[in-house]
Amino acid sequence: MFKHGKDWHWLNEPKHTWDGEVLRLTCGTETDFWQRTHYGFRRDNGHALLTTVNEDFSFTVRCHFKGNADYDQAGVMVRIDSDNWIKSSIEYENESFSRLGSVVTNLGYSDWATEDIASTVNTMWYRVQKRGPDIFIETAEDGKNWEQMRITHLHAFKGTLDVGIYACSPKKGGCEVTFDHLTMGPNTWEKE
């Protein structure tokens, strides 16, 4: 299902190659997604490969990368526009620890929720499910034992949004990332 073609479009296309349904990309220098909060800057030049959807869905992908500079990151993105989006990823901090987390950006302001993990963890599965304007994010190191990361809401949602993968390198660039095992299907997120 994860094939180069008309159903997917690039935002800030990086150097990349396709091998069947495997995407390998290299992050450009000083690329990031962030809006205003705490750090004050605005950046919307990270790399994202997205598809547009107007129904509820479940989106799953495996991401492998090894950060080589502070804040290198790769994972999944849900996006309306530059002021309204969600990203979930591992962000490399140093040789000892990284951060598994998510950023929700509503109305031009980003937040950041994280947990520290060992920097030896460089492969993660992500599952994002949508029900209306609400988004449910889960992660799994093995693709089977899913753990809830976050339930959140996109205030600017009007019926259509983009979902897909993203990667960026806010400092020196060169981070290499591999995405595979992408599946898109119906929402299985149940209300409890």
Protein backbone atom coordinates (compact mmCIF):
# COMPACT_ATOMS: atom_id res chain seq x y z
CA MET A 1 0.00 0.00 0.00
CA PHE A 2 2.90 2.37 0.69
CA LYS A 3 3.85 3.12 -2.87
CA HIS A 4 5.23 6.15 -4.61
CA GLY A 5 2.36 7.58 -6.60
CA LYS A 6 -0.41 10.10 -7.00
CA ASP A 7 -2.17 9.32 -3.70
CA TRP A 8 0.81 10.64 -1.71
CA HIS A 9 2.36 14.10 -1.87
CA TRP A 10 5.51 15.61 -0.44
CA LEU A 11 5.75 18.59 1.85
CA ASN A 12 9.38 19.77 1.59
CA GLU A 13 10.63 16.77 -0.41
CA PRO A 14 13.98 15.39 0.83
CA LYS A 15 16.56 13.19 -0.87
CA HIS A 16 14.89 9.78 -0.94
CA THR A 17 14.72 6.38 -2.61
CA TRP A 18 12.00 3.76 -2.99
CA ASP A 19 12.61 0.01 -2.80
CA GLY A 20 9.23 -1.63 -3.33
CA GLU A 21 7.15 -0.40 -0.41
CA VAL A 22 10.16 0.79 1.61
CA LEU A 23 10.98 4.50 1.72
CA ARG A 24 14.46 5.70 2.68
CA LEU A 25 15.11 9.40 3.11
CA THR A 26 17.86 11.74 4.26
CA CYS A 27 16.92 14.84 6.27
CA GLY A 28 18.02 18.27 5.15
CA THR A 29 19.82 20.71 7.46
CA GLU A 30 17.82 22.91 9.87
CA THR A 31 14.48 21.25 9.08
CA ASP A 32 11.72 21.12 11.69
CA PHE A 33 8.02 21.44 12.50
CA TRP A 34 7.30 23.76 15.44
CA GLN A 35 5.10 26.80 16.14
CA ARG A 36 5.81 29.56 18.69
CA THR A 37 5.38 28.03 22.16
CA HIS A 38 8.29 28.37 24.62
CA TYR A 39 11.08 28.55 22.05
CA GLY A 40 9.45 31.45 20.20
CA PHE A 41 10.42 30.40 16.68
CA ARG A 42 8.23 29.09 13.87
CA ARG A 43 9.41 26.38 11.52
CA ASP A 44 7.43 24.43 8.93
CA ASN A 45 10.14 23.05 6.66
CA GLY A 46 10.45 19.44 7.85
CA HIS A 47 9.91 16.59 5.39
CA ALA A 48 6.51 14.88 5.22
CA LEU A 49 4.94 12.39 2.83
CA LEU A 50 1.18 12.69 3.22
CA THR A 51 -2.11 11.47 1.83
CA THR A 52 -5.41 13.35 2.11
CA VAL A 53 -8.33 11.65 3.86
CA ASN A 54 -11.87 12.73 4.69
CA GLU A 55 -13.04 9.69 6.65
CA ASP A 56 -12.07 8.09 9.95
CA PHE A 57 -9.03 5.82 9.66
CA SER A 58 -6.32 3.75 11.31
CA PHE A 59 -2.81 4.44 9.99
CA THR A 60 0.17 2.27 10.98
CA VAL A 61 3.84 2.42 10.01
CA ARG A 62 7.24 1.23 11.24
CA CYS A 63 10.04 3.79 11.42
CA HIS A 64 13.76 3.07 11.80
CA PHE A 65 16.39 5.75 12.30
CA LYS A 66 19.53 6.52 14.24
CA GLY A 67 19.89 10.15 15.18
CA ASN A 68 23.29 11.66 14.53
CA ALA A 69 22.66 15.16 15.88
CA ASP A 70 20.60 16.76 18.65
CA TYR A 71 16.85 16.75 17.95
CA ASP A 72 16.90 14.49 14.85
CA GLN A 73 13.41 12.98 14.72
CA ALA A 74 11.14 10.76 12.63
CA GLY A 75 7.63 9.38 12.95
CA VAL A 76 4.05 10.14 11.91
CA MET A 77 2.14 13.32 11.15
CA VAL A 78 -1.51 14.39 10.97
CA ARG A 79 -1.86 17.80 9.35
CA ILE A 80 -4.46 20.37 8.39
CA ASP A 81 -2.07 23.26 7.68
CA SER A 82 1.05 24.94 9.12
CA ASP A 83 -0.86 26.11 12.22
CA ASN A 84 -2.77 22.88 12.94
CA TRP A 85 -1.03 19.51 13.04
CA ILE A 86 0.21 16.61 15.19
CA LYS A 87 3.52 14.78 15.07
CA SER A 88 4.61 11.73 17.06
CA SER A 89 8.17 10.43 16.99
CA ILE A 90 11.40 9.53 18.67
CA GLU A 91 13.59 12.61 19.03
CA TYR A 92 17.30 11.95 19.51
CA GLU A 93 18.88 13.91 22.39
CA ASN A 94 22.30 12.31 23.00
CA GLU A 95 24.01 8.90 23.20
CA SER A 96 22.28 8.11 26.51
CA PHE A 97 18.65 9.05 26.01
CA SER A 98 16.08 10.14 23.46
CA ARG A 99 12.48 11.29 23.81
CA LEU A 100 9.44 9.37 22.63
CA GLY A 101 6.73 11.97 22.34
CA SER A 102 4.11 13.93 20.52
CA VAL A 103 3.51 17.54 19.58
CA VAL A 104 0.00 18.89 19.06
CA THR A 105 -0.22 22.25 17.33
CA ASN A 106 -3.57 24.02 17.51
CA LEU A 107 -4.18 27.52 16.14
CA GLY A 108 -0.45 28.18 15.68
CA TYR A 109 0.82 27.06 19.11
CA SER A 110 2.71 23.80 19.71
CA ASP A 111 2.86 21.75 22.88
CA TRP A 112 5.21 18.85 23.61
CA ALA A 113 4.61 15.73 25.72
CA THR A 114 7.45 13.20 26.11
CA GLU A 115 8.92 10.29 28.00
CA ASP A 116 12.62 9.50 28.08
CA ILE A 117 13.78 6.29 26.40
CA ALA A 118 17.21 4.80 25.75
CA SER A 119 18.92 6.06 22.60
CA THR A 120 19.50 2.43 21.65
CA VAL A 121 15.79 2.29 20.74
CA ASN A 122 15.84 3.35 17.10
CA THR A 123 12.88 1.43 15.67
CA MET A 124 9.28 2.21 16.60
CA TRP A 125 5.83 1.32 15.27
CA TYR A 126 3.21 4.09 15.28
CA ARG A 127 -0.56 3.78 15.00
CA VAL A 128 -2.72 6.87 14.57
CA GLN A 129 -6.50 6.59 14.58
CA LYS A 130 -8.99 9.32 13.78
CA ARG A 131 -12.60 9.74 14.84
CA GLY A 132 -13.89 13.10 13.65
CA PRO A 133 -11.55 15.80 15.01
CA ASP A 134 -10.16 13.46 17.69
CA ILE A 135 -6.86 11.59 17.26
CA PHE A 136 -5.64 8.54 19.19
CA ILE A 137 -1.87 7.83 19.07
CA GLU A 138 -0.22 4.54 20.06
CA THR A 139 3.32 3.14 19.83
CA ALA A 140 4.86 -0.34 19.96
CA GLU A 141 8.46 -1.47 19.80
CA ASP A 142 7.38 -4.81 18.31
CA GLY A 143 4.31 -3.83 16.27
CA LYS A 144 2.06 -5.95 18.51
CA ASN A 145 1.99 -4.67 22.08
CA TRP A 146 0.52 -1.22 21.62
CA GLU A 147 0.74 1.44 24.32
CA GLN A 148 -1.41 4.54 24.37
CA MET A 149 0.56 7.73 23.97
CA ARG A 150 -2.10 10.39 23.61
CA ILE A 151 -5.70 11.27 22.81
CA THR A 152 -6.07 14.79 21.44
CA HIS A 153 -8.24 17.11 19.36
CA LEU A 154 -7.61 19.32 16.32
CA HIS A 155 -9.67 22.48 16.79
CA ALA A 156 -9.48 23.61 13.14
CA PHE A 157 -10.75 20.31 11.72
CA LYS A 158 -13.37 20.83 8.99
CA GLY A 159 -13.64 17.31 7.56
CA THR A 160 -10.42 16.73 5.60
CA LEU A 161 -6.82 16.34 6.75
CA ASP A 162 -3.53 14.77 5.69
CA VAL A 163 -1.81 11.83 7.38
CA GLY A 164 1.55 10.20 6.77
CA ILE A 165 5.18 10.10 7.79
CA TYR A 166 7.63 12.86 8.65
CA ALA A 167 11.29 13.39 9.50
CA CYS A 168 13.49 16.37 10.24
CA SER A 169 16.91 17.39 11.46
CA PRO A 170 16.75 20.77 13.24
CA LYS A 171 20.54 21.11 13.45
CA LYS A 172 23.02 19.58 11.01
CA GLY A 173 21.00 17.31 8.70
CA GLY A 174 22.05 13.98 7.24
CA CYS A 175 19.85 11.80 9.45
CA GLU A 176 18.82 8.70 7.49
CA VAL A 177 15.34 7.25 8.04
CA THR A 178 13.52 4.14 6.78
CA PHE A 179 9.73 3.73 6.74
CA ASP A 180 7.93 0.47 5.91
CA HIS A 181 4.94 -1.73 6.82
CA LEU A 182 2.49 1.10 6.19
CA THR A 183 -1.18 0.17 6.41
CA MET A 184 -4.26 2.33 6.13
CA GLY A 185 -7.61 0.94 7.14
CA PRO A 186 -10.82 1.58 9.06
CA ASN A 187 -10.78 3.06 12.54
CA THR A 188 -10.80 0.36 15.25
CA TRP A 189 -10.62 2.77 18.19
CA GLU A 190 -13.49 1.99 20.52
CA LYS A 191 -15.06 4.27 23.09
CA GLU A 192 -14.81 2.78 26.56
